[in-house]
Each structure stands twice: as structure tokens, then as C-alpha cells.
């Protein structure tokens, strides 16, 4: 039985991820990139941006900035 690369729970026979976990990961990446784009073009509080990114990352299985590429 494979283990989900995102939530680390059983994913099923010969599976490495749950569809829902993968979708949550993809959605979180999009949210972070949109936040960064918005602050980059409109300006904003960098500390608040960092806090929001950390919140999204924690809920979206994002472990490092490498995951955002």
C-alpha cells in the first residue's frame, strides 16, 4: 500500500497521493503566487505577506519555496 506524499496517510495500492491532497497542493501554490504577484505590483506589508504564505503553506502541503516552482 502506497503512502500519500502530501498527508502521509495510506493512498491505496500502487498510489503515491490522494487526488484531493494533490488538488489542495495545486490550489495553495496558486494562492501563494497570486499573493506575491499582488504585493509585487501593488505594494504591501511584507511581514503580513510572509504570515499569509506560512498559513497557506501549512494547509496546502507546501514544504519549501522549491514547491512553488
PDB file of N, CA and C in Angstrom:
ATOM      1  N   UNK A   1       0.847  -1.172   0.000  1.00  0.00           N
ATOM      2  CA  UNK A   1       0.000   0.000   0.000  1.00  0.00           C
ATOM      3  C   UNK A   1       0.890   1.232   0.000  1.00  0.00           C
ATOM      4  N   UNK A   2       0.634   2.152  -0.935  1.00  0.00           N
ATOM      5  CA  UNK A   2       1.407   3.376  -1.015  1.00  0.00           C
ATOM      6  C   UNK A   2       0.968   4.408   0.003  1.00  0.00           C
ATOM      7  N   UNK A   3       1.868   5.327   0.279  1.00  0.00           N
ATOM      8  CA  UNK A   3       1.598   6.387   1.236  1.00  0.00           C
ATOM      9  C   UNK A   3       1.531   7.710   0.482  1.00  0.00           C
ATOM     10  N   UNK A   4       0.557   8.544   0.812  1.00  0.00           N
ATOM     11  CA  UNK A   4       0.381   9.839   0.152  1.00  0.00           C
ATOM     12  C   UNK A   4       1.585  10.736   0.432  1.00  0.00           C
ATOM     13  N   UNK A   5       2.158  11.313  -0.604  1.00  0.00           N
ATOM     14  CA  UNK A   5       3.320  12.179  -0.447  1.00  0.00           C
ATOM     15  C   UNK A   5       2.962  13.499   0.228  1.00  0.00           C
ATOM     16  N   UNK A   6       1.690  13.817   0.321  1.00  0.00           N
ATOM     17  CA  UNK A   6       1.248  15.065   0.930  1.00  0.00           C
ATOM     18  C   UNK A   6       0.840  14.882   2.391  1.00  0.00           C
ATOM     19  N   UNK A   7      -0.124  14.017   2.642  1.00  0.00           N
ATOM     20  CA  UNK A   7      -0.656  13.866   4.003  1.00  0.00           C
ATOM     21  C   UNK A   7      -0.039  12.700   4.762  1.00  0.00           C
ATOM     22  N   UNK A   8       0.724  11.865   4.077  1.00  0.00           N
ATOM     23  CA  UNK A   8       1.424  10.717   4.646  1.00  0.00           C
ATOM     24  C   UNK A   8       0.492   9.627   5.180  1.00  0.00           C
ATOM     25  N   UNK A   9      -0.736   9.607   4.710  1.00  0.00           N
ATOM     26  CA  UNK A   9      -1.682   8.551   5.075  1.00  0.00           C
ATOM     27  C   UNK A   9      -1.741   7.545   3.929  1.00  0.00           C
ATOM     28  N   UNK A  10      -2.246   6.347   4.187  1.00  0.00           N
ATOM     29  CA  UNK A  10      -2.338   5.355   3.119  1.00  0.00           C
ATOM     30  C   UNK A  10      -3.099   5.896   1.902  1.00  0.00           C
ATOM     31  N   UNK A  11      -2.502   5.714   0.725  1.00  0.00           N
ATOM     32  CA  UNK A  11      -3.086   6.254  -0.503  1.00  0.00           C
ATOM     33  C   UNK A  11      -3.715   5.181  -1.374  1.00  0.00           C
ATOM     34  N   UNK A  12      -3.455   3.944  -1.072  1.00  0.00           N
ATOM     35  CA  UNK A  12      -4.003   2.863  -1.876  1.00  0.00           C
ATOM     36  C   UNK A  12      -2.915   2.088  -2.585  1.00  0.00           C
ATOM     37  N   UNK A  13      -3.305   0.981  -3.153  1.00  0.00           N
ATOM     38  CA  UNK A  13      -2.370   0.091  -3.831  1.00  0.00           C
ATOM     39  C   UNK A  13      -1.719   0.795  -5.020  1.00  0.00           C
ATOM     40  N   UNK A  14      -0.385   0.850  -5.028  1.00  0.00           N
ATOM     41  CA  UNK A  14       0.427   1.463  -6.086  1.00  0.00           C
ATOM     42  C   UNK A  14       0.091   2.938  -6.327  1.00  0.00           C
ATOM     43  N   UNK A  15      -0.330   3.632  -5.309  1.00  0.00           N
ATOM     44  CA  UNK A  15      -0.643   5.060  -5.418  1.00  0.00           C
ATOM     45  C   UNK A  15       0.312   5.839  -4.516  1.00  0.00           C
ATOM     46  N   UNK A  16       0.639   7.056  -4.960  1.00  0.00           N
ATOM     47  CA  UNK A  16       1.551   7.883  -4.177  1.00  0.00           C
ATOM     48  C   UNK A  16       0.885   9.140  -3.627  1.00  0.00           C
ATOM     49  N   UNK A  17      -0.381   9.366  -3.982  1.00  0.00           N
ATOM     50  CA  UNK A  17      -1.059  10.566  -3.487  1.00  0.00           C
ATOM     51  C   UNK A  17      -2.568  10.413  -3.639  1.00  0.00           C
ATOM     52  N   UNK A  18      -3.273  11.192  -2.832  1.00  0.00           N
ATOM     53  CA  UNK A  18      -4.728  11.295  -2.962  1.00  0.00           C
ATOM     54  C   UNK A  18      -5.036  12.431  -3.937  1.00  0.00           C
ATOM     55  N   UNK A  19      -6.055  12.286  -4.746  1.00  0.00           N
ATOM     56  CA  UNK A  19      -6.439  13.343  -5.681  1.00  0.00           C
ATOM     57  C   UNK A  19      -6.752  14.630  -4.930  1.00  0.00           C
ATOM     58  N   UNK A  20      -7.443  14.510  -3.793  1.00  0.00           N
ATOM     59  CA  UNK A  20      -7.830  15.685  -3.016  1.00  0.00           C
ATOM     60  C   UNK A  20      -6.605  16.406  -2.455  1.00  0.00           C
ATOM     61  N   UNK A  21      -5.640  15.666  -1.982  1.00  0.00           N
ATOM     62  CA  UNK A  21      -4.416  16.267  -1.442  1.00  0.00           C
ATOM     63  C   UNK A  21      -3.638  16.973  -2.544  1.00  0.00           C
ATOM     64  N   UNK A  22      -3.552  16.341  -3.690  1.00  0.00           N
ATOM     65  CA  UNK A  22      -2.840  16.955  -4.811  1.00  0.00           C
ATOM     66  C   UNK A  22      -3.540  18.236  -5.257  1.00  0.00           C
ATOM     67  N   UNK A  23      -4.860  18.223  -5.298  1.00  0.00           N
ATOM     68  CA  UNK A  23      -5.616  19.416  -5.690  1.00  0.00           C
ATOM     69  C   UNK A  23      -5.419  20.541  -4.671  1.00  0.00           C
ATOM     70  N   UNK A  24      -5.420  20.204  -3.389  1.00  0.00           N
ATOM     71  CA  UNK A  24      -5.201  21.194  -2.343  1.00  0.00           C
ATOM     72  C   UNK A  24      -3.808  21.802  -2.477  1.00  0.00           C
ATOM     73  N   UNK A  25      -2.833  20.984  -2.788  1.00  0.00           N
ATOM     74  CA  UNK A  25      -1.461  21.443  -3.008  1.00  0.00           C
ATOM     75  C   UNK A  25      -1.402  22.413  -4.192  1.00  0.00           C
ATOM     76  N   UNK A  26      -2.022  22.039  -5.302  1.00  0.00           N
ATOM     77  CA  UNK A  26      -2.020  22.892  -6.501  1.00  0.00           C
ATOM     78  C   UNK A  26      -2.728  24.221  -6.226  1.00  0.00           C
ATOM     79  N   UNK A  27      -3.864  24.169  -5.545  1.00  0.00           N
ATOM     80  CA  UNK A  27      -4.611  25.382  -5.218  1.00  0.00           C
ATOM     81  C   UNK A  27      -3.799  26.301  -4.306  1.00  0.00           C
ATOM     82  N   UNK A  28      -3.096  25.721  -3.362  1.00  0.00           N
ATOM     83  CA  UNK A  28      -2.270  26.506  -2.436  1.00  0.00           C
ATOM     84  C   UNK A  28      -1.126  27.193  -3.174  1.00  0.00           C
ATOM     85  N   UNK A  29      -0.503  26.486  -4.103  1.00  0.00           N
ATOM     86  CA  UNK A  29       0.555  27.103  -4.911  1.00  0.00           C
ATOM     87  C   UNK A  29       0.022  28.318  -5.657  1.00  0.00           C
ATOM     88  N   UNK A  30      -1.156  28.182  -6.245  1.00  0.00           N
ATOM     89  CA  UNK A  30      -1.759  29.296  -6.989  1.00  0.00           C
ATOM     90  C   UNK A  30      -2.055  30.477  -6.071  1.00  0.00           C
ATOM     91  N   UNK A  31      -2.536  30.193  -4.863  1.00  0.00           N
ATOM     92  CA  UNK A  31      -2.842  31.259  -3.906  1.00  0.00           C
ATOM     93  C   UNK A  31      -1.585  32.027  -3.509  1.00  0.00           C
ATOM     94  N   UNK A  32      -0.509  31.310  -3.228  1.00  0.00           N
ATOM     95  CA  UNK A  32       0.744  31.951  -2.829  1.00  0.00           C
ATOM     96  C   UNK A  32       1.281  32.808  -3.972  1.00  0.00           C
ATOM     97  N   UNK A  33       1.289  32.271  -5.169  1.00  0.00           N
ATOM     98  CA  UNK A  33       1.806  33.038  -6.302  1.00  0.00           C
ATOM     99  C   UNK A  33       0.965  34.283  -6.569  1.00  0.00           C
ATOM    100  N   UNK A  34      -0.349  34.179  -6.403  1.00  0.00           N
ATOM    101  CA  UNK A  34      -1.230  35.337  -6.587  1.00  0.00           C
ATOM    102  C   UNK A  34      -0.946  36.399  -5.522  1.00  0.00           C
ATOM    103  N   UNK A  35      -0.733  35.991  -4.287  1.00  0.00           N
ATOM    104  CA  UNK A  35      -0.400  36.936  -3.217  1.00  0.00           C
ATOM    105  C   UNK A  35       0.894  37.676  -3.524  1.00  0.00           C
ATOM    106  N   UNK A  36       1.901  36.930  -3.936  1.00  0.00           N
ATOM    107  CA  UNK A  36       3.203  37.535  -4.234  1.00  0.00           C
ATOM    108  C   UNK A  36       3.086  38.497  -5.412  1.00  0.00           C
ATOM    109  N   UNK A  37       2.356  38.093  -6.450  1.00  0.00           N
ATOM    110  CA  UNK A  37       2.142  38.972  -7.600  1.00  0.00           C
ATOM    111  C   UNK A  37       1.457  40.265  -7.167  1.00  0.00           C
ATOM    112  N   UNK A  38       0.438  40.137  -6.337  1.00  0.00           N
ATOM    113  CA  UNK A  38      -0.321  41.289  -5.895  1.00  0.00           C
ATOM    114  C   UNK A  38       0.546  42.256  -5.083  1.00  0.00           C
ATOM    115  N   UNK A  39       1.312  41.735  -4.149  1.00  0.00           N
ATOM    116  CA  UNK A  39       2.190  42.586  -3.349  1.00  0.00           C
ATOM    117  C   UNK A  39       3.294  43.175  -4.216  1.00  0.00           C
ATOM    118  N   UNK A  40       3.780  42.396  -5.174  1.00  0.00           N
ATOM    119  CA  UNK A  40       4.823  42.888  -6.068  1.00  0.00           C
ATOM    120  C   UNK A  40       4.364  44.036  -6.944  1.00  0.00           C
ATOM    121  N   UNK A  41       3.138  43.989  -7.400  1.00  0.00           N
ATOM    122  CA  UNK A  41       2.656  45.038  -8.299  1.00  0.00           C
ATOM    123  C   UNK A  41       1.968  46.189  -7.574  1.00  0.00           C
ATOM    124  N   UNK A  42       1.349  45.921  -6.431  1.00  0.00           N
ATOM    125  CA  UNK A  42       0.599  46.950  -5.714  1.00  0.00           C
ATOM    126  C   UNK A  42       1.268  47.418  -4.434  1.00  0.00           C
ATOM    127  N   UNK A  43       2.347  46.763  -4.051  1.00  0.00           N
ATOM    128  CA  UNK A  43       2.989  47.085  -2.783  1.00  0.00           C
ATOM    129  C   UNK A  43       2.209  46.468  -1.639  1.00  0.00           C
ATOM    130  N   UNK A  44       2.808  46.455  -0.497  1.00  0.00           N
ATOM    131  CA  UNK A  44       2.126  45.892   0.664  1.00  0.00           C
ATOM    132  C   UNK A  44       3.093  45.545   1.765  1.00  0.00           C
ATOM    133  N   UNK A  45       2.539  45.070   2.840  1.00  0.00           N
ATOM    134  CA  UNK A  45       3.292  44.722   4.038  1.00  0.00           C
ATOM    135  C   UNK A  45       3.950  43.349   3.857  1.00  0.00           C
ATOM    136  N   UNK A  46       5.265  43.331   3.844  1.00  0.00           N
ATOM    137  CA  UNK A  46       5.995  42.085   3.635  1.00  0.00           C
ATOM    138  C   UNK A  46       5.818  41.118   4.803  1.00  0.00           C
ATOM    139  N   UNK A  47       5.710  41.628   6.021  1.00  0.00           N
ATOM    140  CA  UNK A  47       5.502  40.764   7.186  1.00  0.00           C
ATOM    141  C   UNK A  47       4.147  40.078   7.093  1.00  0.00           C
ATOM    142  N   UNK A  48       3.141  40.826   6.680  1.00  0.00           N
ATOM    143  CA  UNK A  48       1.806  40.249   6.516  1.00  0.00           C
ATOM    144  C   UNK A  48       1.805  39.217   5.392  1.00  0.00           C
ATOM    145  N   UNK A  49       2.537  39.498   4.318  1.00  0.00           N
ATOM    146  CA  UNK A  49       2.654  38.550   3.211  1.00  0.00           C
ATOM    147  C   UNK A  49       3.276  37.246   3.697  1.00  0.00           C
ATOM    148  N   UNK A  50       4.343  37.358   4.457  1.00  0.00           N
ATOM    149  CA  UNK A  50       5.018  36.157   4.976  1.00  0.00           C
ATOM    150  C   UNK A  50       4.073  35.329   5.843  1.00  0.00           C
ATOM    151  N   UNK A  51       3.308  35.994   6.684  1.00  0.00           N
ATOM    152  CA  UNK A  51       2.355  35.301   7.554  1.00  0.00           C
ATOM    153  C   UNK A  51       1.302  34.573   6.737  1.00  0.00           C
ATOM    154  N   UNK A  52       0.765  35.236   5.714  1.00  0.00           N
ATOM    155  CA  UNK A  52      -0.256  34.611   4.867  1.00  0.00           C
ATOM    156  C   UNK A  52       0.314  33.411   4.114  1.00  0.00           C
ATOM    157  N   UNK A  53       1.533  33.553   3.616  1.00  0.00           N
ATOM    158  CA  UNK A  53       2.173  32.448   2.899  1.00  0.00           C
ATOM    159  C   UNK A  53       2.367  31.257   3.830  1.00  0.00           C
ATOM    160  N   UNK A  54       2.806  31.500   5.044  1.00  0.00           N
ATOM    161  CA  UNK A  54       3.006  30.421   6.010  1.00  0.00           C
ATOM    162  C   UNK A  54       1.689  29.703   6.308  1.00  0.00           C
ATOM    163  N   UNK A  55       0.596  30.452   6.419  1.00  0.00           N
ATOM    164  CA  UNK A  55      -0.716  29.851   6.681  1.00  0.00           C
ATOM    165  C   UNK A  55      -1.156  28.979   5.514  1.00  0.00           C
ATOM    166  N   UNK A  56      -1.025  29.501   4.310  1.00  0.00           N
ATOM    167  CA  UNK A  56      -1.419  28.744   3.125  1.00  0.00           C
ATOM    168  C   UNK A  56      -0.551  27.493   2.987  1.00  0.00           C
ATOM    169  N   UNK A  57       0.743  27.657   3.198  1.00  0.00           N
ATOM    170  CA  UNK A  57       1.670  26.536   3.068  1.00  0.00           C
ATOM    171  C   UNK A  57       1.341  25.425   4.063  1.00  0.00           C
ATOM    172  N   UNK A  58       1.019  25.802   5.281  1.00  0.00           N
ATOM    173  CA  UNK A  58       0.717  24.803   6.306  1.00  0.00           C
ATOM    174  C   UNK A  58      -0.522  23.992   5.953  1.00  0.00           C
ATOM    175  N   UNK A  59      -1.491  24.617   5.322  1.00  0.00           N
ATOM    176  CA  UNK A  59      -2.732  23.927   4.970  1.00  0.00           C
ATOM    177  C   UNK A  59      -2.689  23.280   3.590  1.00  0.00           C
ATOM    178  N   UNK A  60      -1.662  23.615   2.813  1.00  0.00           N
ATOM    179  CA  UNK A  60      -1.623  23.140   1.437  1.00  0.00           C
ATOM    180  C   UNK A  60      -0.483  22.206   1.101  1.00  0.00           C
ATOM    181  N   UNK A  61       0.162  21.657   2.116  1.00  0.00           N
ATOM    182  CA  UNK A  61       1.235  20.672   1.931  1.00  0.00           C
ATOM    183  C   UNK A  61       2.458  21.258   1.226  1.00  0.00           C
ATOM    184  N   UNK A  62       2.668  22.555   1.333  1.00  0.00           N
ATOM    185  CA  UNK A  62       3.852  23.181   0.748  1.00  0.00           C
ATOM    186  C   UNK A  62       4.943  23.190   1.811  1.00  0.00           C
ATOM    187  N   UNK A  63       6.072  22.585   1.483  1.00  0.00           N
ATOM    188  CA  UNK A  63       7.144  22.420   2.470  1.00  0.00           C
ATOM    189  C   UNK A  63       8.260  23.448   2.321  1.00  0.00           C
ATOM    190  N   UNK A  64       8.498  23.912   1.097  1.00  0.00           N
ATOM    191  CA  UNK A  64       9.590  24.848   0.867  1.00  0.00           C
ATOM    192  C   UNK A  64       9.291  25.690  -0.356  1.00  0.00           C
ATOM    193  N   UNK A  65      10.098  26.718  -0.560  1.00  0.00           N
ATOM    194  CA  UNK A  65       9.907  27.571  -1.736  1.00  0.00           C
ATOM    195  C   UNK A  65      10.101  26.781  -3.029  1.00  0.00           C
ATOM    196  N   UNK A  66      10.860  25.712  -2.978  1.00  0.00           N
ATOM    197  CA  UNK A  66      11.069  24.854  -4.159  1.00  0.00           C
ATOM    198  C   UNK A  66       9.744  24.263  -4.633  1.00  0.00           C
ATOM    199  N   UNK A  67       8.810  24.053  -3.700  1.00  0.00           N
ATOM    200  CA  UNK A  67       7.495  23.509  -4.062  1.00  0.00           C
ATOM    201  C   UNK A  67       6.672  24.480  -4.900  1.00  0.00           C
ATOM    202  N   UNK A  68       7.036  25.758  -4.872  1.00  0.00           N
ATOM    203  CA  UNK A  68       6.248  26.758  -5.585  1.00  0.00           C
ATOM    204  C   UNK A  68       6.641  26.890  -7.052  1.00  0.00           C
ATOM    205  N   UNK A  69       7.717  26.267  -7.438  1.00  0.00           N
ATOM    206  CA  UNK A  69       8.182  26.365  -8.833  1.00  0.00           C
ATOM    207  C   UNK A  69       7.390  25.428  -9.712  1.00  0.00           C
TER     208      UNK A  69
END
